Full PDB file with SEQRES, HELIX, SHEET, SSBOND, CRYST1, ORIGX, SCALE, CONECT and MASTER records, all heavy atoms in Angstrom:
SEQRES   1 A   32  GLN ALA ALA GLY ALA ASN VAL ALA GLN GLN ALA ILE GLU          
SEQRES   2 A   32  GLN ALA GLY GLY ARG PHE LEU HIS HIS ALA GLY GLY ASP          
SEQRES   3 A   32  ASP GLY ALA ASP ASP VAL                                      
HELIX    1 AA1 ALA A    2  GLN A   14  1                                  13    
CRYST1    1.000    1.000    1.000  90.00  90.00  90.00 P 1           1          
ORIGX1      1.000000  0.000000  0.000000        0.00000                         
ORIGX2      0.000000  1.000000  0.000000        0.00000                         
ORIGX3      0.000000  0.000000  1.000000        0.00000                         
SCALE1      1.000000  0.000000  0.000000        0.00000                         
SCALE2      0.000000  1.000000  0.000000        0.00000                         
SCALE3      0.000000  0.000000  1.000000        0.00000                         
ATOM      1  N   GLN A   1     -14.882  -7.436 -19.385  1.00  0.00           N  
ATOM      2  CA  GLN A   1     -14.406  -7.069 -20.724  1.00  0.00           C  
ATOM      3  C   GLN A   1     -13.137  -7.830 -21.060  1.00  0.00           C  
ATOM      4  O   GLN A   1     -12.994  -8.367 -22.153  1.00  0.00           O  
ATOM      5  CB  GLN A   1     -14.154  -5.567 -20.797  1.00  0.00           C  
ATOM      6  CG  GLN A   1     -15.407  -4.753 -20.640  1.00  0.00           C  
ATOM      7  CD  GLN A   1     -15.095  -3.288 -20.456  1.00  0.00           C  
ATOM      8  OE1 GLN A   1     -13.952  -2.891 -20.377  1.00  0.00           O  
ATOM      9  NE2 GLN A   1     -16.136  -2.487 -20.380  1.00  0.00           N  
ATOM     10  N   ALA A   2     -12.200  -7.877 -20.126  1.00  0.00           N  
ATOM     11  CA  ALA A   2     -10.943  -8.589 -20.371  1.00  0.00           C  
ATOM     12  C   ALA A   2     -11.208 -10.072 -20.539  1.00  0.00           C  
ATOM     13  O   ALA A   2     -10.595 -10.724 -21.382  1.00  0.00           O  
ATOM     14  CB  ALA A   2      -9.982  -8.333 -19.223  1.00  0.00           C  
ATOM     15  N   ALA A   3     -12.151 -10.601 -19.756  1.00  0.00           N  
ATOM     16  CA  ALA A   3     -12.475 -12.020 -19.874  1.00  0.00           C  
ATOM     17  C   ALA A   3     -13.052 -12.315 -21.251  1.00  0.00           C  
ATOM     18  O   ALA A   3     -12.749 -13.345 -21.850  1.00  0.00           O  
ATOM     19  CB  ALA A   3     -13.462 -12.417 -18.782  1.00  0.00           C  
ATOM     20  N   GLY A   4     -13.873 -11.423 -21.782  1.00  0.00           N  
ATOM     21  CA  GLY A   4     -14.441 -11.618 -23.114  1.00  0.00           C  
ATOM     22  C   GLY A   4     -13.363 -11.682 -24.174  1.00  0.00           C  
ATOM     23  O   GLY A   4     -13.397 -12.520 -25.067  1.00  0.00           O  
ATOM     24  N   ALA A   5     -12.379 -10.804 -24.081  1.00  0.00           N  
ATOM     25  CA  ALA A   5     -11.283 -10.807 -25.043  1.00  0.00           C  
ATOM     26  C   ALA A   5     -10.429 -12.053 -24.882  1.00  0.00           C  
ATOM     27  O   ALA A   5      -9.979 -12.640 -25.870  1.00  0.00           O  
ATOM     28  CB  ALA A   5     -10.434  -9.551 -24.881  1.00  0.00           C  
ATOM     29  N   ASN A   6     -10.197 -12.466 -23.648  1.00  0.00           N  
ATOM     30  CA  ASN A   6      -9.421 -13.683 -23.415  1.00  0.00           C  
ATOM     31  C   ASN A   6     -10.131 -14.905 -23.982  1.00  0.00           C  
ATOM     32  O   ASN A   6      -9.502 -15.776 -24.566  1.00  0.00           O  
ATOM     33  CB  ASN A   6      -9.156 -13.881 -21.920  1.00  0.00           C  
ATOM     34  CG  ASN A   6      -8.108 -12.911 -21.397  1.00  0.00           C  
ATOM     35  OD1 ASN A   6      -7.245 -12.464 -22.137  1.00  0.00           O  
ATOM     36  ND2 ASN A   6      -8.205 -12.581 -20.130  1.00  0.00           N  
ATOM     37  N   VAL A   7     -11.453 -14.957 -23.802  1.00  0.00           N  
ATOM     38  CA  VAL A   7     -12.230 -16.063 -24.361  1.00  0.00           C  
ATOM     39  C   VAL A   7     -12.112 -16.056 -25.874  1.00  0.00           C  
ATOM     40  O   VAL A   7     -11.911 -17.098 -26.503  1.00  0.00           O  
ATOM     41  CB  VAL A   7     -13.715 -15.956 -23.926  1.00  0.00           C  
ATOM     42  CG1 VAL A   7     -14.595 -16.878 -24.734  1.00  0.00           C  
ATOM     43  CG2 VAL A   7     -13.848 -16.240 -22.450  1.00  0.00           C  
ATOM     44  N   ALA A   8     -12.216 -14.887 -26.467  1.00  0.00           N  
ATOM     45  CA  ALA A   8     -12.101 -14.778 -27.926  1.00  0.00           C  
ATOM     46  C   ALA A   8     -10.719 -15.236 -28.380  1.00  0.00           C  
ATOM     47  O   ALA A   8     -10.594 -15.995 -29.348  1.00  0.00           O  
ATOM     48  CB  ALA A   8     -12.359 -13.341 -28.375  1.00  0.00           C  
ATOM     49  N   GLN A   9      -9.678 -14.786 -27.697  1.00  0.00           N  
ATOM     50  CA  GLN A   9      -8.314 -15.163 -28.080  1.00  0.00           C  
ATOM     51  C   GLN A   9      -8.122 -16.670 -27.981  1.00  0.00           C  
ATOM     52  O   GLN A   9      -7.581 -17.305 -28.889  1.00  0.00           O  
ATOM     53  CB  GLN A   9      -7.289 -14.442 -27.220  1.00  0.00           C  
ATOM     54  CG  GLN A   9      -5.866 -14.786 -27.614  1.00  0.00           C  
ATOM     55  CD  GLN A   9      -4.832 -14.006 -26.813  1.00  0.00           C  
ATOM     56  OE1 GLN A   9      -5.162 -13.296 -25.877  1.00  0.00           O  
ATOM     57  NE2 GLN A   9      -3.581 -14.145 -27.200  1.00  0.00           N  
ATOM     58  N   GLN A  10      -8.570 -17.260 -26.875  1.00  0.00           N  
ATOM     59  CA  GLN A  10      -8.406 -18.694 -26.693  1.00  0.00           C  
ATOM     60  C   GLN A  10      -9.174 -19.478 -27.758  1.00  0.00           C  
ATOM     61  O   GLN A  10      -8.645 -20.429 -28.342  1.00  0.00           O  
ATOM     62  CB  GLN A  10      -8.885 -19.106 -25.302  1.00  0.00           C  
ATOM     63  CG  GLN A  10      -7.972 -18.632 -24.201  1.00  0.00           C  
ATOM     64  CD  GLN A  10      -8.575 -18.847 -22.824  1.00  0.00           C  
ATOM     65  OE1 GLN A  10      -9.691 -19.340 -22.695  1.00  0.00           O  
ATOM     66  NE2 GLN A  10      -7.821 -18.480 -21.795  1.00  0.00           N  
ATOM     67  N   ALA A  11     -10.398 -19.069 -28.038  1.00  0.00           N  
ATOM     68  CA  ALA A  11     -11.210 -19.782 -29.030  1.00  0.00           C  
ATOM     69  C   ALA A  11     -10.592 -19.684 -30.414  1.00  0.00           C  
ATOM     70  O   ALA A  11     -10.525 -20.678 -31.155  1.00  0.00           O  
ATOM     71  CB  ALA A  11     -12.629 -19.215 -29.048  1.00  0.00           C  
ATOM     72  N   ILE A  12     -10.111 -18.516 -30.771  1.00  0.00           N  
ATOM     73  CA  ILE A  12      -9.522 -18.314 -32.101  1.00  0.00           C  
ATOM     74  C   ILE A  12      -8.230 -19.109 -32.235  1.00  0.00           C  
ATOM     75  O   ILE A  12      -7.997 -19.779 -33.244  1.00  0.00           O  
ATOM     76  CB  ILE A  12      -9.277 -16.812 -32.347  1.00  0.00           C  
ATOM     77  CG1 ILE A  12     -10.614 -16.108 -32.525  1.00  0.00           C  
ATOM     78  CG2 ILE A  12      -8.394 -16.591 -33.567  1.00  0.00           C  
ATOM     79  CD1 ILE A  12     -10.544 -14.605 -32.404  1.00  0.00           C  
ATOM     80  N   GLU A  13      -7.390 -19.063 -31.214  1.00  0.00           N  
ATOM     81  CA  GLU A  13      -6.117 -19.780 -31.286  1.00  0.00           C  
ATOM     82  C   GLU A  13      -6.315 -21.291 -31.256  1.00  0.00           C  
ATOM     83  O   GLU A  13      -5.616 -22.030 -31.931  1.00  0.00           O  
ATOM     84  CB  GLU A  13      -5.188 -19.309 -30.177  1.00  0.00           C  
ATOM     85  CG  GLU A  13      -4.678 -17.899 -30.438  1.00  0.00           C  
ATOM     86  CD  GLU A  13      -3.860 -17.313 -29.302  1.00  0.00           C  
ATOM     87  OE1 GLU A  13      -3.804 -17.929 -28.212  1.00  0.00           O  
ATOM     88  OE2 GLU A  13      -3.269 -16.238 -29.511  1.00  0.00           O  
ATOM     89  N   GLN A  14      -7.294 -21.778 -30.478  1.00  0.00           N  
ATOM     90  CA  GLN A  14      -7.590 -23.207 -30.454  1.00  0.00           C  
ATOM     91  C   GLN A  14      -8.111 -23.681 -31.801  1.00  0.00           C  
ATOM     92  O   GLN A  14      -7.876 -24.810 -32.207  1.00  0.00           O  
ATOM     93  CB  GLN A  14      -8.626 -23.531 -29.381  1.00  0.00           C  
ATOM     94  CG  GLN A  14      -8.078 -23.515 -27.988  1.00  0.00           C  
ATOM     95  CD  GLN A  14      -9.167 -23.769 -26.962  1.00  0.00           C  
ATOM     96  OE1 GLN A  14     -10.340 -23.868 -27.290  1.00  0.00           O  
ATOM     97  NE2 GLN A  14      -8.765 -23.866 -25.707  1.00  0.00           N  
ATOM     98  N   ALA A  15      -8.819 -22.809 -32.506  1.00  0.00           N  
ATOM     99  CA  ALA A  15      -9.379 -23.165 -33.813  1.00  0.00           C  
ATOM    100  C   ALA A  15      -8.342 -23.058 -34.920  1.00  0.00           C  
ATOM    101  O   ALA A  15      -8.647 -23.328 -36.073  1.00  0.00           O  
ATOM    102  CB  ALA A  15     -10.576 -22.268 -34.123  1.00  0.00           C  
ATOM    103  N   GLY A  16      -7.141 -22.626 -34.591  1.00  0.00           N  
ATOM    104  CA  GLY A  16      -6.083 -22.539 -35.588  1.00  0.00           C  
ATOM    105  C   GLY A  16      -6.000 -21.187 -36.267  1.00  0.00           C  
ATOM    106  O   GLY A  16      -5.344 -21.045 -37.288  1.00  0.00           O  
ATOM    107  N   GLY A  17      -6.640 -20.197 -35.697  1.00  0.00           N  
ATOM    108  CA  GLY A  17      -6.602 -18.856 -36.259  1.00  0.00           C  
ATOM    109  C   GLY A  17      -5.522 -18.011 -35.608  1.00  0.00           C  
ATOM    110  O   GLY A  17      -4.915 -18.398 -34.605  1.00  0.00           O  
ATOM    111  N   ARG A  18      -5.279 -16.857 -36.183  1.00  0.00           N  
ATOM    112  CA  ARG A  18      -4.282 -15.925 -35.647  1.00  0.00           C  
ATOM    113  C   ARG A  18      -5.037 -14.755 -35.033  1.00  0.00           C  
ATOM    114  O   ARG A  18      -5.824 -14.083 -35.698  1.00  0.00           O  
ATOM    115  CB  ARG A  18      -3.372 -15.441 -36.774  1.00  0.00           C  
ATOM    116  CG  ARG A  18      -2.183 -14.648 -36.300  1.00  0.00           C  
ATOM    117  CD  ARG A  18      -1.173 -14.467 -37.414  1.00  0.00           C  
ATOM    118  NE  ARG A  18      -1.770 -14.079 -38.680  1.00  0.00           N  
ATOM    119  CZ  ARG A  18      -1.708 -12.856 -39.203  1.00  0.00           C  
ATOM    120  NH1 ARG A  18      -1.063 -11.901 -38.591  1.00  0.00           N  
ATOM    121  NH2 ARG A  18      -2.285 -12.599 -40.360  1.00  0.00           N  
ATOM    122  N   PHE A  19      -4.808 -14.514 -33.757  1.00  0.00           N  
ATOM    123  CA  PHE A  19      -5.507 -13.473 -33.013  1.00  0.00           C  
ATOM    124  C   PHE A  19      -4.754 -12.149 -33.116  1.00  0.00           C  
ATOM    125  O   PHE A  19      -3.569 -12.075 -32.792  1.00  0.00           O  
ATOM    126  CB  PHE A  19      -5.635 -13.878 -31.540  1.00  0.00           C  
ATOM    127  CG  PHE A  19      -6.392 -12.897 -30.697  1.00  0.00           C  
ATOM    128  CD1 PHE A  19      -7.771 -12.877 -30.696  1.00  0.00           C  
ATOM    129  CD2 PHE A  19      -5.724 -11.991 -29.883  1.00  0.00           C  
ATOM    130  CE1 PHE A  19      -8.475 -11.997 -29.909  1.00  0.00           C  
ATOM    131  CE2 PHE A  19      -6.415 -11.092 -29.098  1.00  0.00           C  
ATOM    132  CZ  PHE A  19      -7.799 -11.098 -29.110  1.00  0.00           C  
ATOM    133  N   LEU A  20      -5.447 -11.108 -33.604  1.00  0.00           N  
ATOM    134  CA  LEU A  20      -4.900  -9.752 -33.648  1.00  0.00           C  
ATOM    135  C   LEU A  20      -5.747  -8.898 -32.723  1.00  0.00           C  
ATOM    136  O   LEU A  20      -6.943  -9.156 -32.556  1.00  0.00           O  
ATOM    137  CB  LEU A  20      -4.965  -9.183 -35.068  1.00  0.00           C  
ATOM    138  CG  LEU A  20      -4.344 -10.022 -36.174  1.00  0.00           C  
ATOM    139  CD1 LEU A  20      -4.663  -9.417 -37.524  1.00  0.00           C  
ATOM    140  CD2 LEU A  20      -2.854 -10.122 -35.970  1.00  0.00           C  
ATOM    141  N   HIS A  21      -5.146  -7.874 -32.154  1.00  0.00           N  
ATOM    142  CA  HIS A  21      -5.908  -7.044 -31.224  1.00  0.00           C  
ATOM    143  C   HIS A  21      -5.637  -5.568 -31.441  1.00  0.00           C  
ATOM    144  O   HIS A  21      -4.522  -5.166 -31.764  1.00  0.00           O  
ATOM    145  CB  HIS A  21      -5.565  -7.401 -29.775  1.00  0.00           C  
ATOM    146  CG  HIS A  21      -6.262  -6.516 -28.794  1.00  0.00           C  
ATOM    147  ND1 HIS A  21      -5.609  -5.488 -28.160  1.00  0.00           N  
ATOM    148  CD2 HIS A  21      -7.539  -6.460 -28.391  1.00  0.00           C  
ATOM    149  CE1 HIS A  21      -6.483  -4.855 -27.384  1.00  0.00           C  
ATOM    150  NE2 HIS A  21      -7.657  -5.417 -27.512  1.00  0.00           N  
ATOM    151  N   HIS A  22      -6.685  -4.776 -31.249  1.00  0.00           N  
ATOM    152  CA  HIS A  22      -6.551  -3.317 -31.229  1.00  0.00           C  
ATOM    153  C   HIS A  22      -7.503  -2.799 -30.153  1.00  0.00           C  
ATOM    154  O   HIS A  22      -8.651  -3.217 -30.075  1.00  0.00           O  
ATOM    155  CB  HIS A  22      -6.911  -2.703 -32.581  1.00  0.00           C  
ATOM    156  CG  HIS A  22      -6.593  -1.249 -32.635  1.00  0.00           C  
ATOM    157  ND1 HIS A  22      -7.453  -0.290 -32.159  1.00  0.00           N  
ATOM    158  CD2 HIS A  22      -5.495  -0.592 -33.080  1.00  0.00           C  
ATOM    159  CE1 HIS A  22      -6.898   0.898 -32.321  1.00  0.00           C  
ATOM    160  NE2 HIS A  22      -5.717   0.743 -32.880  1.00  0.00           N  
ATOM    161  N   ALA A  23      -7.013  -1.888 -29.304  1.00  0.00           N  
ATOM    162  CA  ALA A  23      -7.813  -1.404 -28.184  1.00  0.00           C  
ATOM    163  C   ALA A  23      -9.013  -0.577 -28.622  1.00  0.00           C  
ATOM    164  O   ALA A  23     -10.013  -0.498 -27.913  1.00  0.00           O  
ATOM    165  CB  ALA A  23      -6.944  -0.591 -27.229  1.00  0.00           C  
ATOM    166  N   GLY A  24      -8.933   0.087 -29.758  1.00  0.00           N  
ATOM    167  CA  GLY A  24     -10.067   0.863 -30.243  1.00  0.00           C  
ATOM    168  C   GLY A  24     -10.220   2.207 -29.573  1.00  0.00           C  
ATOM    169  O   GLY A  24     -11.309   2.752 -29.516  1.00  0.00           O  
ATOM    170  N   GLY A  25      -9.103   2.766 -29.071  1.00  0.00           N  
ATOM    171  CA  GLY A  25      -9.163   4.060 -28.398  1.00  0.00           C  
ATOM    172  C   GLY A  25      -8.796   5.202 -29.315  1.00  0.00           C  
ATOM    173  O   GLY A  25      -8.572   5.033 -30.508  1.00  0.00           O  
ATOM    174  N   ASP A  26      -8.742   6.394 -28.751  1.00  0.00           N  
ATOM    175  CA  ASP A  26      -8.353   7.603 -29.480  1.00  0.00           C  
ATOM    176  C   ASP A  26      -6.961   8.029 -29.038  1.00  0.00           C  
ATOM    177  O   ASP A  26      -6.796   8.994 -28.315  1.00  0.00           O  
ATOM    178  CB  ASP A  26      -9.335   8.748 -29.197  1.00  0.00           C  
ATOM    179  CG  ASP A  26     -10.650   8.554 -29.896  1.00  0.00           C  
ATOM    180  OD1 ASP A  26     -10.642   7.990 -30.999  1.00  0.00           O  
ATOM    181  OD2 ASP A  26     -11.683   8.974 -29.347  1.00  0.00           O  
ATOM    182  N   ASP A  27      -5.941   7.306 -29.467  1.00  0.00           N  
ATOM    183  CA  ASP A  27      -4.583   7.610 -29.034  1.00  0.00           C  
ATOM    184  C   ASP A  27      -3.754   8.313 -30.097  1.00  0.00           C  
ATOM    185  O   ASP A  27      -2.545   8.280 -30.072  1.00  0.00           O  
ATOM    186  CB  ASP A  27      -3.872   6.321 -28.603  1.00  0.00           C  
ATOM    187  CG  ASP A  27      -4.564   5.668 -27.417  1.00  0.00           C  
ATOM    188  OD1 ASP A  27      -5.211   6.395 -26.643  1.00  0.00           O  
ATOM    189  OD2 ASP A  27      -4.466   4.446 -27.280  1.00  0.00           O  
ATOM    190  N   GLY A  28      -4.392   8.916 -31.091  1.00  0.00           N  
ATOM    191  CA  GLY A  28      -3.666   9.697 -32.087  1.00  0.00           C  
ATOM    192  C   GLY A  28      -3.493   8.990 -33.412  1.00  0.00           C  
ATOM    193  O   GLY A  28      -4.088   7.957 -33.687  1.00  0.00           O  
ATOM    194  N   ALA A  29      -2.624   9.575 -34.247  1.00  0.00           N  
ATOM    195  CA  ALA A  29      -2.426   9.098 -35.619  1.00  0.00           C  
ATOM    196  C   ALA A  29      -1.823   7.698 -35.647  1.00  0.00           C  
ATOM    197  O   ALA A  29      -2.162   6.896 -36.522  1.00  0.00           O  
ATOM    198  CB  ALA A  29      -1.545  10.071 -36.383  1.00  0.00           C  
ATOM    199  N   ASP A  30      -0.913   7.390 -34.713  1.00  0.00           N  
ATOM    200  CA  ASP A  30      -0.306   6.055 -34.684  1.00  0.00           C  
ATOM    201  C   ASP A  30      -1.371   4.993 -34.431  1.00  0.00           C  
ATOM    202  O   ASP A  30      -1.341   3.912 -35.014  1.00  0.00           O  
ATOM    203  CB  ASP A  30       0.771   5.972 -33.592  1.00  0.00           C  
ATOM    204  CG  ASP A  30       1.982   6.838 -33.914  1.00  0.00           C  
ATOM    205  OD1 ASP A  30       2.170   7.168 -35.103  1.00  0.00           O  
ATOM    206  OD2 ASP A  30       2.725   7.170 -32.974  1.00  0.00           O  
ATOM    207  N   ASP A  31      -2.318   5.316 -33.559  1.00  0.00           N  
ATOM    208  CA  ASP A  31      -3.391   4.395 -33.230  1.00  0.00           C  
ATOM    209  C   ASP A  31      -4.278   4.155 -34.450  1.00  0.00           C  
ATOM    210  O   ASP A  31      -4.670   3.028 -34.727  1.00  0.00           O  
ATOM    211  CB  ASP A  31      -4.201   4.950 -32.064  1.00  0.00           C  
ATOM    212  CG  ASP A  31      -5.131   3.916 -31.483  1.00  0.00           C  
ATOM    213  OD1 ASP A  31      -4.657   2.825 -31.139  1.00  0.00           O  
ATOM    214  OD2 ASP A  31      -6.344   4.203 -31.397  1.00  0.00           O  
ATOM    215  N   VAL A  32      -4.597   5.216 -35.186  1.00  0.00           N  
ATOM    216  CA  VAL A  32      -5.427   5.101 -36.386  1.00  0.00           C  
ATOM    217  C   VAL A  32      -4.712   4.258 -37.433  1.00  0.00           C  
ATOM    218  O   VAL A  32      -5.309   3.384 -38.071  1.00  0.00           O  
ATOM    219  CB  VAL A  32      -5.784   6.500 -36.939  1.00  0.00           C  
ATOM    220  CG1 VAL A  32      -6.430   6.401 -38.303  1.00  0.00           C  
ATOM    221  CG2 VAL A  32      -6.689   7.236 -35.970  1.00  0.00           C  
TER     222      VAL A  32                                                      
MASTER        0    0    0    1    0    0    0    6  221    1    0    3          
END                                                                             
């Protein structure tokens, strides 16, 4: 799973994009 995200980050940044991330968990109102 971590490797998949790392691959995505590297591909996006190499292509000149800006990589944003969210874990997608249930950590409360701040997370939402």
